[in-house]
Amino acid sequence: MHSLQGAPKVEGIAVNVAGGGANVCLVTDADDPRIALSLLLLRLQLRRPPS
């Protein structure tokens, strides 16, 4: 596990599991109207448990 660069404050998380993986969306908010929010997207491949 790793930290997000700049340690943004994540205020929203959404996960959608499909097709052997998971799509993860993170929304950040700096609580400063001069700084735009960020939408961070990542795709995780899910491993099947060993049989």
N, C-alpha and C. Protein backbone atom coordinates (compact mmCIF):
# COMPACT_ATOMS: atom_id res chain seq x y z
N MET A 1 0.85 -1.16 0.00
CA MET A 1 0.00 0.00 0.00
C MET A 1 0.90 1.24 0.00
N HIS A 2 0.47 2.28 -0.70
CA HIS A 2 1.23 3.52 -0.81
C HIS A 2 0.33 4.71 -0.49
N SER A 3 0.93 5.79 -0.07
CA SER A 3 0.20 7.04 0.16
C SER A 3 0.05 7.79 -1.16
N LEU A 4 -0.97 8.61 -1.24
CA LEU A 4 -1.14 9.47 -2.42
C LEU A 4 -0.17 10.63 -2.33
N GLN A 5 0.43 10.98 -3.45
CA GLN A 5 1.40 12.07 -3.48
C GLN A 5 0.74 13.37 -3.05
N GLY A 6 1.38 14.07 -2.14
CA GLY A 6 0.86 15.34 -1.65
C GLY A 6 -0.16 15.18 -0.53
N ALA A 7 -0.47 13.95 -0.15
CA ALA A 7 -1.43 13.64 0.93
C ALA A 7 -2.75 14.41 0.78
N PRO A 8 -3.42 14.28 -0.39
CA PRO A 8 -4.71 14.97 -0.55
C PRO A 8 -5.76 14.40 0.38
N LYS A 9 -6.75 15.21 0.70
CA LYS A 9 -7.85 14.77 1.55
C LYS A 9 -8.91 14.12 0.66
N VAL A 10 -9.04 12.81 0.75
CA VAL A 10 -10.02 12.07 -0.05
C VAL A 10 -11.37 12.14 0.66
N GLU A 11 -12.38 12.62 -0.08
CA GLU A 11 -13.72 12.77 0.51
C GLU A 11 -14.75 11.85 -0.11
N GLY A 12 -14.41 11.20 -1.19
CA GLY A 12 -15.36 10.29 -1.82
C GLY A 12 -14.64 9.11 -2.44
N ILE A 13 -15.22 7.93 -2.27
CA ILE A 13 -14.66 6.70 -2.84
C ILE A 13 -15.81 5.91 -3.46
N ALA A 14 -15.58 5.42 -4.67
CA ALA A 14 -16.55 4.54 -5.33
C ALA A 14 -15.77 3.38 -5.94
N VAL A 15 -16.31 2.17 -5.79
CA VAL A 15 -15.67 0.97 -6.32
C VAL A 15 -16.69 0.19 -7.12
N ASN A 16 -16.30 -0.23 -8.31
CA ASN A 16 -17.14 -1.06 -9.17
C ASN A 16 -16.34 -2.30 -9.55
N VAL A 17 -16.82 -3.47 -9.14
CA VAL A 17 -16.14 -4.73 -9.44
C VAL A 17 -16.80 -5.35 -10.66
N ALA A 18 -15.97 -5.62 -11.70
CA ALA A 18 -16.48 -6.22 -12.93
C ALA A 18 -15.31 -6.73 -13.76
N GLY A 19 -15.55 -7.80 -14.50
CA GLY A 19 -14.57 -8.29 -15.45
C GLY A 19 -13.24 -8.69 -14.84
N GLY A 20 -13.23 -9.28 -13.66
CA GLY A 20 -11.98 -9.73 -13.06
C GLY A 20 -11.16 -8.63 -12.43
N GLY A 21 -11.75 -7.45 -12.28
CA GLY A 21 -11.01 -6.34 -11.68
C GLY A 21 -11.94 -5.39 -10.96
N ALA A 22 -11.35 -4.34 -10.44
CA ALA A 22 -12.13 -3.33 -9.73
C ALA A 22 -11.70 -1.95 -10.22
N ASN A 23 -12.67 -1.12 -10.53
CA ASN A 23 -12.41 0.28 -10.87
C ASN A 23 -12.64 1.08 -9.59
N VAL A 24 -11.66 1.87 -9.21
CA VAL A 24 -11.74 2.67 -7.99
C VAL A 24 -11.66 4.14 -8.38
N CYS A 25 -12.61 4.93 -7.90
CA CYS A 25 -12.63 6.38 -8.12
C CYS A 25 -12.49 7.06 -6.77
N LEU A 26 -11.57 8.01 -6.68
CA LEU A 26 -11.36 8.80 -5.47
C LEU A 26 -11.55 10.27 -5.81
N VAL A 27 -12.28 11.00 -4.99
CA VAL A 27 -12.47 12.44 -5.18
C VAL A 27 -11.83 13.15 -4.00
N THR A 28 -11.02 14.16 -4.29
CA THR A 28 -10.36 14.92 -3.23
C THR A 28 -10.94 16.32 -3.14
N ASP A 29 -10.78 16.94 -1.99
CA ASP A 29 -11.22 18.32 -1.78
C ASP A 29 -10.24 18.98 -0.82
N ALA A 30 -9.62 20.06 -1.26
CA ALA A 30 -8.62 20.75 -0.44
C ALA A 30 -9.24 21.75 0.54
N ASP A 31 -10.56 21.91 0.53
CA ASP A 31 -11.24 22.91 1.36
C ASP A 31 -10.75 24.33 1.09
N ASP A 32 -10.27 24.56 -0.11
CA ASP A 32 -9.79 25.88 -0.53
C ASP A 32 -10.40 26.14 -1.90
N PRO A 33 -11.29 27.14 -2.02
CA PRO A 33 -11.96 27.38 -3.30
C PRO A 33 -11.01 27.71 -4.45
N ARG A 34 -9.77 28.04 -4.15
CA ARG A 34 -8.79 28.34 -5.22
C ARG A 34 -8.15 27.08 -5.78
N ILE A 35 -8.35 25.93 -5.11
CA ILE A 35 -7.75 24.68 -5.54
C ILE A 35 -8.85 23.74 -6.02
N ALA A 36 -8.73 23.32 -7.27
CA ALA A 36 -9.75 22.44 -7.87
C ALA A 36 -9.69 21.05 -7.23
N LEU A 37 -10.84 20.40 -7.19
CA LEU A 37 -10.86 19.02 -6.71
C LEU A 37 -10.16 18.14 -7.73
N SER A 38 -9.81 16.94 -7.31
CA SER A 38 -9.20 15.95 -8.20
C SER A 38 -10.06 14.71 -8.24
N LEU A 39 -10.13 14.10 -9.41
CA LEU A 39 -10.77 12.80 -9.56
C LEU A 39 -9.66 11.83 -9.95
N LEU A 40 -9.39 10.88 -9.08
CA LEU A 40 -8.32 9.90 -9.30
C LEU A 40 -8.97 8.56 -9.64
N LEU A 41 -8.50 7.94 -10.69
CA LEU A 41 -9.06 6.67 -11.15
C LEU A 41 -7.96 5.62 -11.17
N LEU A 42 -8.29 4.41 -10.72
CA LEU A 42 -7.34 3.33 -10.86
C LEU A 42 -8.07 2.03 -11.10
N ARG A 43 -7.39 1.12 -11.76
CA ARG A 43 -7.94 -0.21 -12.08
C ARG A 43 -7.10 -1.25 -11.37
N LEU A 44 -7.74 -2.12 -10.60
CA LEU A 44 -7.06 -3.20 -9.91
C LEU A 44 -7.47 -4.53 -10.52
N GLN A 45 -6.50 -5.38 -10.81
CA GLN A 45 -6.79 -6.73 -11.26
C GLN A 45 -6.99 -7.60 -10.02
N LEU A 46 -8.09 -8.32 -9.97
CA LEU A 46 -8.37 -9.18 -8.82
C LEU A 46 -7.83 -10.58 -9.09
N ARG A 47 -7.19 -11.15 -8.09
CA ARG A 47 -6.66 -12.49 -8.20
C ARG A 47 -7.69 -13.49 -7.70
N ARG A 48 -7.73 -14.62 -8.35
CA ARG A 48 -8.59 -15.71 -7.89
C ARG A 48 -7.87 -16.45 -6.77
N PRO A 49 -8.60 -16.86 -5.75
CA PRO A 49 -7.95 -17.64 -4.68
C PRO A 49 -7.44 -18.97 -5.23
N PRO A 50 -6.33 -19.47 -4.70
CA PRO A 50 -5.82 -20.76 -5.19
C PRO A 50 -6.81 -21.88 -4.93
N SER A 51 -6.88 -22.85 -5.84
CA SER A 51 -7.82 -23.96 -5.65
C SER A 51 -7.18 -25.10 -4.89
